[in-house]
């Protein structure tokens, strides 16, 4: 049986899928993009906040309330590959840079963002 400390160290050693996920409103095709250090669990927090009516993005929350949950899709938008030696700080900087690049490209294509 593993100790609490061993479990904590094992968790720190795990490599998660990182990148950007999107929440898309099917009624107006607006996208909400957000970076995540764990794409497999990325949607849980935002979906929970939306259901509670307490999401940090007021415009997204308003549309969720107006159109209902059935009019939203949650998907992985882009995944970032990284090396074992990448630090948390470097990973966060890379994710933010990737997010900015995608936002610029989407705006050029006149896709509305939250």
PDB file of N, CA and C in Angstrom:
ATOM      1  N   UNK A   1       0.845  -1.175   0.000  1.00  0.00           N
ATOM      2  CA  UNK A   1       0.000   0.000   0.000  1.00  0.00           C
ATOM      3  C   UNK A   1       0.895   1.244   0.000  1.00  0.00           C
ATOM      4  N   UNK A   2       0.577   2.190  -0.868  1.00  0.00           N
ATOM      5  CA  UNK A   2       1.366   3.414  -0.974  1.00  0.00           C
ATOM      6  C   UNK A   2       0.994   4.407   0.116  1.00  0.00           C
ATOM      7  N   UNK A   3       1.981   5.146   0.544  1.00  0.00           N
ATOM      8  CA  UNK A   3       1.724   6.208   1.511  1.00  0.00           C
ATOM      9  C   UNK A   3       1.201   7.429   0.778  1.00  0.00           C
ATOM     10  N   UNK A   4       0.695   8.363   1.535  1.00  0.00           N
ATOM     11  CA  UNK A   4       0.185   9.610   0.963  1.00  0.00           C
ATOM     12  C   UNK A   4       1.298  10.337   0.203  1.00  0.00           C
ATOM     13  N   UNK A   5       2.488  10.343   0.764  1.00  0.00           N
ATOM     14  CA  UNK A   5       3.631  11.009   0.139  1.00  0.00           C
ATOM     15  C   UNK A   5       4.001  10.324  -1.177  1.00  0.00           C
ATOM     16  N   UNK A   6       3.983   9.003  -1.195  1.00  0.00           N
ATOM     17  CA  UNK A   6       4.299   8.259  -2.421  1.00  0.00           C
ATOM     18  C   UNK A   6       3.256   8.533  -3.502  1.00  0.00           C
ATOM     19  N   UNK A   7       1.998   8.574  -3.106  1.00  0.00           N
ATOM     20  CA  UNK A   7       0.931   8.879  -4.066  1.00  0.00           C
ATOM     21  C   UNK A   7       1.080  10.281  -4.637  1.00  0.00           C
ATOM     22  N   UNK A   8       1.443  11.223  -3.785  1.00  0.00           N
ATOM     23  CA  UNK A   8       1.626  12.604  -4.224  1.00  0.00           C
ATOM     24  C   UNK A   8       2.786  12.699  -5.216  1.00  0.00           C
ATOM     25  N   UNK A   9       3.892  12.027  -4.929  1.00  0.00           N
ATOM     26  CA  UNK A   9       5.045  12.032  -5.826  1.00  0.00           C
ATOM     27  C   UNK A   9       4.719  11.344  -7.154  1.00  0.00           C
ATOM     28  N   UNK A  10       3.966  10.262  -7.095  1.00  0.00           N
ATOM     29  CA  UNK A  10       3.563   9.565  -8.317  1.00  0.00           C
ATOM     30  C   UNK A  10       2.698  10.468  -9.186  1.00  0.00           C
ATOM     31  N   UNK A  11       1.795  11.215  -8.558  1.00  0.00           N
ATOM     32  CA  UNK A  11       0.932  12.143  -9.289  1.00  0.00           C
ATOM     33  C   UNK A  11       1.754  13.226  -9.974  1.00  0.00           C
ATOM     34  N   UNK A  12       2.758  13.749  -9.276  1.00  0.00           N
ATOM     35  CA  UNK A  12       3.617  14.788  -9.845  1.00  0.00           C
ATOM     36  C   UNK A  12       4.395  14.283 -11.050  1.00  0.00           C
ATOM     37  N   UNK A  13       4.674  12.991 -11.092  1.00  0.00           N
ATOM     38  CA  UNK A  13       5.440  12.404 -12.187  1.00  0.00           C
ATOM     39  C   UNK A  13       4.582  12.104 -13.416  1.00  0.00           C
ATOM     40  N   UNK A  14       3.270  12.130 -13.255  1.00  0.00           N
ATOM     41  CA  UNK A  14       2.377  11.820 -14.367  1.00  0.00           C
ATOM     42  C   UNK A  14       2.469  12.901 -15.435  1.00  0.00           C
ATOM     43  N   UNK A  15       2.360  12.482 -16.673  1.00  0.00           N
ATOM     44  CA  UNK A  15       2.386  13.418 -17.788  1.00  0.00           C
ATOM     45  C   UNK A  15       0.970  13.519 -18.356  1.00  0.00           C
ATOM     46  N   UNK A  16       0.420  14.722 -18.307  1.00  0.00           N
ATOM     47  CA  UNK A  16      -0.929  14.962 -18.780  1.00  0.00           C
ATOM     48  C   UNK A  16      -0.904  15.585 -20.173  1.00  0.00           C
ATOM     49  N   UNK A  17      -2.004  15.402 -20.885  1.00  0.00           N
ATOM     50  CA  UNK A  17      -2.155  16.079 -22.177  1.00  0.00           C
ATOM     51  C   UNK A  17      -2.456  17.543 -21.892  1.00  0.00           C
ATOM     52  N   UNK A  18      -1.714  18.431 -22.524  1.00  0.00           N
ATOM     53  CA  UNK A  18      -1.893  19.869 -22.319  1.00  0.00           C
ATOM     54  C   UNK A  18      -2.250  20.535 -23.639  1.00  0.00           C
ATOM     55  N   UNK A  19      -2.932  21.671 -23.539  1.00  0.00           N
ATOM     56  CA  UNK A  19      -3.295  22.390 -24.751  1.00  0.00           C
ATOM     57  C   UNK A  19      -4.433  23.351 -24.513  1.00  0.00           C
ATOM     58  N   UNK A  20      -5.248  23.488 -25.542  1.00  0.00           N
ATOM     59  CA  UNK A  20      -6.359  24.443 -25.531  1.00  0.00           C
ATOM     60  C   UNK A  20      -7.654  23.679 -25.776  1.00  0.00           C
ATOM     61  N   UNK A  21      -8.674  23.986 -24.982  1.00  0.00           N
ATOM     62  CA  UNK A  21      -9.988  23.421 -25.262  1.00  0.00           C
ATOM     63  C   UNK A  21     -10.936  24.553 -25.616  1.00  0.00           C
ATOM     64  N   UNK A  22     -12.022  24.175 -26.265  1.00  0.00           N
ATOM     65  CA  UNK A  22     -13.013  25.175 -26.676  1.00  0.00           C
ATOM     66  C   UNK A  22     -14.388  24.790 -26.192  1.00  0.00           C
ATOM     67  N   UNK A  23     -15.155  25.832 -25.945  1.00  0.00           N
ATOM     68  CA  UNK A  23     -16.586  25.686 -25.720  1.00  0.00           C
ATOM     69  C   UNK A  23     -17.234  26.479 -26.855  1.00  0.00           C
ATOM     70  N   UNK A  24     -18.010  25.805 -27.669  1.00  0.00           N
ATOM     71  CA  UNK A  24     -18.612  26.441 -28.840  1.00  0.00           C
ATOM     72  C   UNK A  24     -20.117  26.522 -28.668  1.00  0.00           C
ATOM     73  N   UNK A  25     -20.641  27.724 -28.883  1.00  0.00           N
ATOM     74  CA  UNK A  25     -22.084  27.927 -28.877  1.00  0.00           C
ATOM     75  C   UNK A  25     -22.601  27.616 -30.282  1.00  0.00           C
ATOM     76  N   UNK A  26     -23.474  26.649 -30.392  1.00  0.00           N
ATOM     77  CA  UNK A  26     -23.993  26.230 -31.689  1.00  0.00           C
ATOM     78  C   UNK A  26     -25.004  27.218 -32.267  1.00  0.00           C
ATOM     79  N   UNK A  27     -25.538  28.112 -31.440  1.00  0.00           N
ATOM     80  CA  UNK A  27     -26.518  29.093 -31.903  1.00  0.00           C
ATOM     81  C   UNK A  27     -25.875  30.283 -32.615  1.00  0.00           C
ATOM     82  N   UNK A  28     -24.691  30.693 -32.148  1.00  0.00           N
ATOM     83  CA  UNK A  28     -24.050  31.871 -32.743  1.00  0.00           C
ATOM     84  C   UNK A  28     -22.611  31.603 -33.191  1.00  0.00           C
ATOM     85  N   UNK A  29     -22.156  30.364 -33.048  1.00  0.00           N
ATOM     86  CA  UNK A  29     -20.815  29.912 -33.452  1.00  0.00           C
ATOM     87  C   UNK A  29     -19.669  30.632 -32.749  1.00  0.00           C
ATOM     88  N   UNK A  30     -19.940  31.272 -31.622  1.00  0.00           N
ATOM     89  CA  UNK A  30     -18.876  31.910 -30.854  1.00  0.00           C
ATOM     90  C   UNK A  30     -18.083  30.844 -30.107  1.00  0.00           C
ATOM     91  N   UNK A  31     -16.782  31.113 -29.964  1.00  0.00           N
ATOM     92  CA  UNK A  31     -15.888  30.184 -29.299  1.00  0.00           C
ATOM     93  C   UNK A  31     -15.306  30.783 -28.021  1.00  0.00           C
ATOM     94  N   UNK A  32     -15.209  29.959 -27.023  1.00  0.00           N
ATOM     95  CA  UNK A  32     -14.487  30.290 -25.805  1.00  0.00           C
ATOM     96  C   UNK A  32     -13.293  29.350 -25.766  1.00  0.00           C
ATOM     97  N   UNK A  33     -12.085  29.910 -25.757  1.00  0.00           N
ATOM     98  CA  UNK A  33     -10.867  29.115 -25.712  1.00  0.00           C
ATOM     99  C   UNK A  33     -10.200  29.276 -24.361  1.00  0.00           C
ATOM    100  N   UNK A  34      -9.638  28.169 -23.867  1.00  0.00           N
ATOM    101  CA  UNK A  34      -8.963  28.211 -22.577  1.00  0.00           C
ATOM    102  C   UNK A  34      -7.836  27.184 -22.566  1.00  0.00           C
ATOM    103  N   UNK A  35      -6.708  27.554 -21.973  1.00  0.00           N
ATOM    104  CA  UNK A  35      -5.595  26.627 -21.856  1.00  0.00           C
ATOM    105  C   UNK A  35      -5.825  25.685 -20.677  1.00  0.00           C
ATOM    106  N   UNK A  36      -5.200  24.500 -20.778  1.00  0.00           N
ATOM    107  CA  UNK A  36      -5.334  23.530 -19.693  1.00  0.00           C
ATOM    108  C   UNK A  36      -4.087  22.659 -19.598  1.00  0.00           C
ATOM    109  N   UNK A  37      -3.691  22.368 -18.369  1.00  0.00           N
ATOM    110  CA  UNK A  37      -2.581  21.441 -18.125  1.00  0.00           C
ATOM    111  C   UNK A  37      -3.066  20.000 -18.076  1.00  0.00           C
ATOM    112  N   UNK A  38      -4.367  19.793 -18.213  1.00  0.00           N
ATOM    113  CA  UNK A  38      -4.943  18.449 -18.195  1.00  0.00           C
ATOM    114  C   UNK A  38      -6.181  18.443 -19.086  1.00  0.00           C
ATOM    115  N   UNK A  39      -5.960  18.229 -20.380  1.00  0.00           N
ATOM    116  CA  UNK A  39      -7.066  18.286 -21.337  1.00  0.00           C
ATOM    117  C   UNK A  39      -8.127  17.220 -21.086  1.00  0.00           C
ATOM    118  N   UNK A  40      -7.730  16.102 -20.510  1.00  0.00           N
ATOM    119  CA  UNK A  40      -8.712  15.051 -20.266  1.00  0.00           C
ATOM    120  C   UNK A  40      -9.740  15.452 -19.216  1.00  0.00           C
ATOM    121  N   UNK A  41      -9.409  16.425 -18.396  1.00  0.00           N
ATOM    122  CA  UNK A  41     -10.339  16.906 -17.369  1.00  0.00           C
ATOM    123  C   UNK A  41     -10.710  18.376 -17.571  1.00  0.00           C
ATOM    124  N   UNK A  42     -10.365  18.924 -18.683  1.00  0.00           N
ATOM    125  CA  UNK A  42     -10.461  20.365 -18.906  1.00  0.00           C
ATOM    126  C   UNK A  42     -11.865  20.930 -18.782  1.00  0.00           C
ATOM    127  N   UNK A  43     -12.846  20.206 -19.224  1.00  0.00           N
ATOM    128  CA  UNK A  43     -14.187  20.759 -19.307  1.00  0.00           C
ATOM    129  C   UNK A  43     -14.922  20.788 -17.969  1.00  0.00           C
ATOM    130  N   UNK A  44     -14.523  19.930 -17.053  1.00  0.00           N
ATOM    131  CA  UNK A  44     -15.281  19.755 -15.819  1.00  0.00           C
ATOM    132  C   UNK A  44     -15.530  21.051 -15.061  1.00  0.00           C
ATOM    133  N   UNK A  45     -14.481  21.807 -14.825  1.00  0.00           N
ATOM    134  CA  UNK A  45     -14.614  23.028 -14.035  1.00  0.00           C
ATOM    135  C   UNK A  45     -15.496  24.057 -14.733  1.00  0.00           C
ATOM    136  N   UNK A  46     -15.244  24.282 -16.007  1.00  0.00           N
ATOM    137  CA  UNK A  46     -16.024  25.289 -16.735  1.00  0.00           C
ATOM    138  C   UNK A  46     -17.487  24.866 -16.869  1.00  0.00           C
ATOM    139  N   UNK A  47     -17.713  23.599 -17.129  1.00  0.00           N
ATOM    140  CA  UNK A  47     -19.089  23.121 -17.247  1.00  0.00           C
ATOM    141  C   UNK A  47     -19.824  23.253 -15.909  1.00  0.00           C
ATOM    142  N   UNK A  48     -19.136  22.947 -14.829  1.00  0.00           N
ATOM    143  CA  UNK A  48     -19.714  23.080 -13.496  1.00  0.00           C
ATOM    144  C   UNK A  48     -20.064  24.542 -13.199  1.00  0.00           C
ATOM    145  N   UNK A  49     -19.147  25.461 -13.527  1.00  0.00           N
ATOM    146  CA  UNK A  49     -19.397  26.887 -13.303  1.00  0.00           C
ATOM    147  C   UNK A  49     -20.584  27.369 -14.124  1.00  0.00           C
ATOM    148  N   UNK A  50     -20.659  26.916 -15.383  1.00  0.00           N
ATOM    149  CA  UNK A  50     -21.774  27.324 -16.231  1.00  0.00           C
ATOM    150  C   UNK A  50     -23.104  26.812 -15.678  1.00  0.00           C
ATOM    151  N   UNK A  51     -23.111  25.574 -15.218  1.00  0.00           N
ATOM    152  CA  UNK A  51     -24.342  25.013 -14.658  1.00  0.00           C
ATOM    153  C   UNK A  51     -24.785  25.754 -13.396  1.00  0.00           C
ATOM    154  N   UNK A  52     -23.800  26.207 -12.614  1.00  0.00           N
ATOM    155  CA  UNK A  52     -24.106  26.967 -11.397  1.00  0.00           C
ATOM    156  C   UNK A  52     -24.478  28.422 -11.678  1.00  0.00           C
ATOM    157  N   UNK A  53     -24.149  28.885 -12.889  1.00  0.00           N
ATOM    158  CA  UNK A  53     -24.402  30.286 -13.234  1.00  0.00           C
ATOM    159  C   UNK A  53     -23.327  31.223 -12.732  1.00  0.00           C
ATOM    160  N   UNK A  54     -22.127  30.684 -12.537  1.00  0.00           N
ATOM    161  CA  UNK A  54     -21.049  31.501 -11.958  1.00  0.00           C
ATOM    162  C   UNK A  54     -19.768  31.501 -12.793  1.00  0.00           C
ATOM    163  N   UNK A  55     -19.886  31.333 -14.112  1.00  0.00           N
ATOM    164  CA  UNK A  55     -18.682  31.321 -14.952  1.00  0.00           C
ATOM    165  C   UNK A  55     -18.051  32.700 -14.994  1.00  0.00           C
ATOM    166  N   UNK A  56     -16.736  32.737 -15.064  1.00  0.00           N
ATOM    167  CA  UNK A  56     -16.000  34.006 -15.047  1.00  0.00           C
ATOM    168  C   UNK A  56     -16.241  34.838 -16.300  1.00  0.00           C
ATOM    169  N   UNK A  57     -16.584  34.191 -17.405  1.00  0.00           N
ATOM    170  CA  UNK A  57     -16.870  34.921 -18.637  1.00  0.00           C
ATOM    171  C   UNK A  57     -18.376  35.194 -18.688  1.00  0.00           C
ATOM    172  N   UNK A  58     -18.748  36.433 -18.384  1.00  0.00           N
ATOM    173  CA  UNK A  58     -20.165  36.811 -18.269  1.00  0.00           C
ATOM    174  C   UNK A  58     -20.923  36.627 -19.582  1.00  0.00           C
ATOM    175  N   UNK A  59     -20.274  36.907 -20.687  1.00  0.00           N
ATOM    176  CA  UNK A  59     -20.938  36.785 -21.988  1.00  0.00           C
ATOM    177  C   UNK A  59     -21.240  35.317 -22.314  1.00  0.00           C
ATOM    178  N   UNK A  60     -20.292  34.449 -22.033  1.00  0.00           N
ATOM    179  CA  UNK A  60     -20.506  33.013 -22.225  1.00  0.00           C
ATOM    180  C   UNK A  60     -21.624  32.525 -21.303  1.00  0.00           C
ATOM    181  N   UNK A  61     -21.605  32.964 -20.064  1.00  0.00           N
ATOM    182  CA  UNK A  61     -22.633  32.570 -19.100  1.00  0.00           C
ATOM    183  C   UNK A  61     -24.013  33.019 -19.562  1.00  0.00           C
ATOM    184  N   UNK A  62     -24.083  34.234 -20.095  1.00  0.00           N
ATOM    185  CA  UNK A  62     -25.368  34.763 -20.579  1.00  0.00           C
ATOM    186  C   UNK A  62     -25.913  33.893 -21.713  1.00  0.00           C
ATOM    187  N   UNK A  63     -25.046  33.526 -22.662  1.00  0.00           N
ATOM    188  CA  UNK A  63     -25.484  32.682 -23.774  1.00  0.00           C
ATOM    189  C   UNK A  63     -25.875  31.287 -23.290  1.00  0.00           C
ATOM    190  N   UNK A  64     -25.132  30.751 -22.331  1.00  0.00           N
ATOM    191  CA  UNK A  64     -25.466  29.448 -21.748  1.00  0.00           C
ATOM    192  C   UNK A  64     -26.873  29.495 -21.130  1.00  0.00           C
ATOM    193  N   UNK A  65     -27.142  30.563 -20.407  1.00  0.00           N
ATOM    194  CA  UNK A  65     -28.452  30.717 -19.770  1.00  0.00           C
ATOM    195  C   UNK A  65     -29.558  30.889 -20.814  1.00  0.00           C
ATOM    196  N   UNK A  66     -29.251  31.602 -21.886  1.00  0.00           N
ATOM    197  CA  UNK A  66     -30.231  31.883 -22.933  1.00  0.00           C
ATOM    198  C   UNK A  66     -30.519  30.657 -23.800  1.00  0.00           C
ATOM    199  N   UNK A  67     -29.461  29.991 -24.284  1.00  0.00           N
ATOM    200  CA  UNK A  67     -29.615  28.913 -25.250  1.00  0.00           C
ATOM    201  C   UNK A  67     -29.684  27.514 -24.636  1.00  0.00           C
ATOM    202  N   UNK A  68     -29.207  27.357 -23.411  1.00  0.00           N
ATOM    203  CA  UNK A  68     -29.228  26.055 -22.756  1.00  0.00           C
ATOM    204  C   UNK A  68     -28.018  25.197 -23.084  1.00  0.00           C
ATOM    205  N   UNK A  69     -27.720  24.281 -22.211  1.00  0.00           N
ATOM    206  CA  UNK A  69     -26.513  23.450 -22.326  1.00  0.00           C
ATOM    207  C   UNK A  69     -26.475  22.613 -23.599  1.00  0.00           C
ATOM    208  N   UNK A  70     -27.641  22.240 -24.113  1.00  0.00           N
ATOM    209  CA  UNK A  70     -27.688  21.399 -25.316  1.00  0.00           C
ATOM    210  C   UNK A  70     -27.178  22.120 -26.560  1.00  0.00           C
ATOM    211  N   UNK A  71     -26.997  23.421 -26.487  1.00  0.00           N
ATOM    212  CA  UNK A  71     -26.511  24.200 -27.621  1.00  0.00           C
ATOM    213  C   UNK A  71     -25.031  24.560 -27.507  1.00  0.00           C
ATOM    214  N   UNK A  72     -24.290  23.777 -26.721  1.00  0.00           N
ATOM    215  CA  UNK A  72     -22.856  24.003 -26.559  1.00  0.00           C
ATOM    216  C   UNK A  72     -22.091  22.704 -26.746  1.00  0.00           C
ATOM    217  N   UNK A  73     -20.937  22.821 -27.407  1.00  0.00           N
ATOM    218  CA  UNK A  73     -20.034  21.690 -27.596  1.00  0.00           C
ATOM    219  C   UNK A  73     -18.729  21.964 -26.861  1.00  0.00           C
ATOM    220  N   UNK A  74     -18.208  20.952 -26.224  1.00  0.00           N
ATOM    221  CA  UNK A  74     -16.922  21.021 -25.532  1.00  0.00           C
ATOM    222  C   UNK A  74     -15.960  20.126 -26.308  1.00  0.00           C
ATOM    223  N   UNK A  75     -14.853  20.703 -26.803  1.00  0.00           N
ATOM    224  CA  UNK A  75     -13.895  19.937 -27.605  1.00  0.00           C
ATOM    225  C   UNK A  75     -12.467  20.391 -27.326  1.00  0.00           C
ATOM    226  N   UNK A  76     -11.547  19.502 -27.631  1.00  0.00           N
ATOM    227  CA  UNK A  76     -10.141  19.890 -27.599  1.00  0.00           C
ATOM    228  C   UNK A  76      -9.857  20.656 -28.876  1.00  0.00           C
ATOM    229  N   UNK A  77      -9.279  21.827 -28.736  1.00  0.00           N
ATOM    230  CA  UNK A  77      -8.996  22.701 -29.873  1.00  0.00           C
ATOM    231  C   UNK A  77      -7.595  22.441 -30.420  1.00  0.00           C
ATOM    232  N   UNK A  78      -6.613  22.324 -29.545  1.00  0.00           N
ATOM    233  CA  UNK A  78      -5.235  22.072 -29.959  1.00  0.00           C
ATOM    234  C   UNK A  78      -4.479  21.464 -28.789  1.00  0.00           C
ATOM    235  N   UNK A  79      -3.574  20.569 -29.118  1.00  0.00           N
ATOM    236  CA  UNK A  79      -2.769  19.918 -28.090  1.00  0.00           C
ATOM    237  C   UNK A  79      -1.308  20.306 -28.295  1.00  0.00           C
ATOM    238  N   UNK A  80      -0.617  20.543 -27.199  1.00  0.00           N
ATOM    239  CA  UNK A  80       0.779  20.979 -27.233  1.00  0.00           C
ATOM    240  C   UNK A  80       1.674  19.814 -26.840  1.00  0.00           C
ATOM    241  N   UNK A  81       2.687  19.567 -27.665  1.00  0.00           N
ATOM    242  CA  UNK A  81       3.693  18.563 -27.320  1.00  0.00           C
ATOM    243  C   UNK A  81       4.791  19.249 -26.530  1.00  0.00           C
ATOM    244  N   UNK A  82       5.302  18.563 -25.542  1.00  0.00           N
ATOM    245  CA  UNK A  82       6.367  19.150 -24.739  1.00  0.00           C
ATOM    246  C   UNK A  82       7.314  18.054 -24.264  1.00  0.00           C
ATOM    247  N   UNK A  83       8.513  18.469 -23.904  1.00  0.00           N
ATOM    248  CA  UNK A  83       9.542  17.536 -23.452  1.00  0.00           C
ATOM    249  C   UNK A  83       9.426  17.294 -21.957  1.00  0.00           C
ATOM    250  N   UNK A  84       9.984  16.195 -21.525  1.00  0.00           N
ATOM    251  CA  UNK A  84      10.013  15.869 -20.097  1.00  0.00           C
ATOM    252  C   UNK A  84      10.707  16.953 -19.280  1.00  0.00           C
ATOM    253  N   UNK A  85      11.655  17.641 -19.901  1.00  0.00           N
ATOM    254  CA  UNK A  85      12.457  18.641 -19.191  1.00  0.00           C
ATOM    255  C   UNK A  85      11.791  20.023 -19.144  1.00  0.00           C
ATOM    256  N   UNK A  86      10.651  20.177 -19.795  1.00  0.00           N
ATOM    257  CA  UNK A  86       9.948  21.458 -19.807  1.00  0.00           C
ATOM    258  C   UNK A  86       9.450  21.780 -18.402  1.00  0.00           C
ATOM    259  N   UNK A  87       9.753  22.994 -17.950  1.00  0.00           N
ATOM    260  CA  UNK A  87       9.302  23.410 -16.621  1.00  0.00           C
ATOM    261  C   UNK A  87       7.851  23.879 -16.687  1.00  0.00           C
ATOM    262  N   UNK A  88       7.210  23.973 -15.528  1.00  0.00           N
ATOM    263  CA  UNK A  88       5.832  24.469 -15.446  1.00  0.00           C
ATOM    264  C   UNK A  88       5.722  25.877 -16.017  1.00  0.00           C
ATOM    265  N   UNK A  89       6.721  26.700 -15.705  1.00  0.00           N
ATOM    266  CA  UNK A  89       6.733  28.085 -16.180  1.00  0.00           C
ATOM    267  C   UNK A  89       6.842  28.147 -17.700  1.00  0.00           C
ATOM    268  N   UNK A  90       7.725  27.335 -18.265  1.00  0.00           N
ATOM    269  CA  UNK A  90       7.884  27.285 -19.718  1.00  0.00           C
ATOM    270  C   UNK A  90       6.612  26.766 -20.381  1.00  0.00           C
ATOM    271  N   UNK A  91       6.019  25.757 -19.784  1.00  0.00           N
ATOM    272  CA  UNK A  91       4.794  25.175 -20.329  1.00  0.00           C
ATOM    273  C   UNK A  91       3.664  26.198 -20.347  1.00  0.00           C
ATOM    274  N   UNK A  92       3.512  26.925 -19.259  1.00  0.00           N
ATOM    275  CA  UNK A  92       2.468  27.951 -19.192  1.00  0.00           C
ATOM    276  C   UNK A  92       2.705  29.048 -20.230  1.00  0.00           C
ATOM    277  N   UNK A  93       3.957  29.473 -20.385  1.00  0.00           N
ATOM    278  CA  UNK A  93       4.290  30.500 -21.380  1.00  0.00           C
ATOM    279  C   UNK A  93       3.986  29.994 -22.791  1.00  0.00           C
ATOM    280  N   UNK A  94       4.344  28.750 -23.082  1.00  0.00           N
ATOM    281  CA  UNK A  94       4.072  28.167 -24.398  1.00  0.00           C
ATOM    282  C   UNK A  94       2.574  28.069 -24.656  1.00  0.00           C
ATOM    283  N   UNK A  95       1.817  27.666 -23.648  1.00  0.00           N
ATOM    284  CA  UNK A  95       0.365  27.572 -23.804  1.00  0.00           C
ATOM    285  C   UNK A  95      -0.263  28.936 -24.052  1.00  0.00           C
ATOM    286  N   UNK A  96       0.184  29.946 -23.316  1.00  0.00           N
ATOM    287  CA  UNK A  96      -0.351  31.303 -23.514  1.00  0.00           C
ATOM    288  C   UNK A  96      -0.006  31.826 -24.896  1.00  0.00           C
ATOM    289  N   UNK A  97       1.191  31.550 -25.363  1.00  0.00           N
ATOM    290  CA  UNK A  97       1.597  31.984 -26.705  1.00  0.00           C
ATOM    291  C   UNK A  97       0.753  31.281 -27.768  1.00  0.00           C
ATOM    292  N   UNK A  98       0.528  29.979 -27.602  1.00  0.00           N
ATOM    293  CA  UNK A  98      -0.294  29.221 -28.531  1.00  0.00           C
ATOM    294  C   UNK A  98      -1.724  29.760 -28.556  1.00  0.00           C
ATOM    295  N   UNK A  99      -2.255  30.076 -27.393  1.00  0.00           N
ATOM    296  CA  UNK A  99      -3.603  30.641 -27.301  1.00  0.00           C
ATOM    297  C   UNK A  99      -3.686  31.970 -28.049  1.00  0.00           C
ATOM    298  N   UNK A 100      -2.715  32.837 -27.832  1.00  0.00           N
ATOM    299  CA  UNK A 100      -2.696  34.133 -28.522  1.00  0.00           C
ATOM    300  C   UNK A 100      -2.657  33.961 -30.039  1.00  0.00           C
ATOM    301  N   UNK A 101      -1.825  33.044 -30.520  1.00  0.00           N
ATOM    302  CA  UNK A 101      -1.719  32.809 -31.966  1.00  0.00           C
ATOM    303  C   UNK A 101      -3.047  32.336 -32.539  1.00  0.00           C
ATOM    304  N   UNK A 102      -3.703  31.431 -31.851  1.00  0.00           N
ATOM    305  CA  UNK A 102      -5.005  30.948 -32.326  1.00  0.00           C
ATOM    306  C   UNK A 102      -6.052  32.047 -32.300  1.00  0.00           C
ATOM    307  N   UNK A 103      -6.050  32.860 -31.263  1.00  0.00           N
ATOM    308  CA  UNK A 103      -7.022  33.947 -31.184  1.00  0.00           C
ATOM    309  C   UNK A 103      -6.829  34.931 -32.334  1.00  0.00           C
ATOM    310  N   UNK A 104      -5.598  35.252 -32.662  1.00  0.00           N
ATOM    311  CA  UNK A 104      -5.308  36.150 -33.779  1.00  0.00           C
ATOM    312  C   UNK A 104      -5.817  35.554 -35.087  1.00  0.00           C
ATOM    313  N   UNK A 105      -5.521  34.271 -35.316  1.00  0.00           N
ATOM    314  CA  UNK A 105      -5.957  33.611 -36.544  1.00  0.00           C
ATOM    315  C   UNK A 105      -7.480  33.541 -36.645  1.00  0.00           C
ATOM    316  N   UNK A 106      -8.133  33.255 -35.551  1.00  0.00           N
ATOM    317  CA  UNK A 106      -9.595  33.179 -35.570  1.00  0.00           C
ATOM    318  C   UNK A 106     -10.220  34.540 -35.841  1.00  0.00           C
ATOM    319  N   UNK A 107      -9.641  35.585 -35.270  1.00  0.00           N
ATOM    320  CA  UNK A 107     -10.166  36.938 -35.520  1.00  0.00           C
ATOM    321  C   UNK A 107      -9.971  37.337 -36.985  1.00  0.00           C
ATOM    322  N   UNK A 108      -8.838  36.919 -37.576  1.00  0.00           N
ATOM    323  CA  UNK A 108      -8.616  37.180 -38.998  1.00  0.00           C
ATOM    324  C   UNK A 108      -9.692  36.523 -39.847  1.00  0.00           C
ATOM    325  N   UNK A 109     -10.153  35.360 -39.418  1.00  0.00           N
ATOM    326  CA  UNK A 109     -11.200  34.626 -40.123  1.00  0.00           C
ATOM    327  C   UNK A 109     -12.589  35.111 -39.723  1.00  0.00           C
ATOM    328  N   UNK A 110     -12.619  36.156 -38.879  1.00  0.00           N
ATOM    329  CA  UNK A 110     -13.842  36.771 -38.398  1.00  0.00           C
ATOM    330  C   UNK A 110     -14.719  35.808 -37.594  1.00  0.00           C
ATOM    331  N   UNK A 111     -14.075  34.918 -36.874  1.00  0.00           N
ATOM    332  CA  UNK A 111     -14.784  34.040 -35.949  1.00  0.00           C
ATOM    333  C   UNK A 111     -14.880  34.761 -34.621  1.00  0.00           C
ATOM    334  N   UNK A 112     -16.084  34.839 -34.093  1.00  0.00           N
ATOM    335  CA  UNK A 112     -16.291  35.579 -32.843  1.00  0.00           C
ATOM    336  C   UNK A 112     -15.827  34.752 -31.660  1.00  0.00           C
ATOM    337  N   UNK A 113     -15.185  35.445 -30.720  1.00  0.00           N
ATOM    338  CA  UNK A 113     -14.690  34.811 -29.509  1.00  0.00           C
ATOM    339  C   UNK A 113     -15.347  35.443 -28.296  1.00  0.00           C
ATOM    340  N   UNK A 114     -15.455  34.652 -27.256  1.00  0.00           N
ATOM    341  CA  UNK A 114     -15.942  35.172 -25.977  1.00  0.00           C
ATOM    342  C   UNK A 114     -14.797  35.861 -25.278  1.00  0.00           C
TER     343      UNK A 114
END
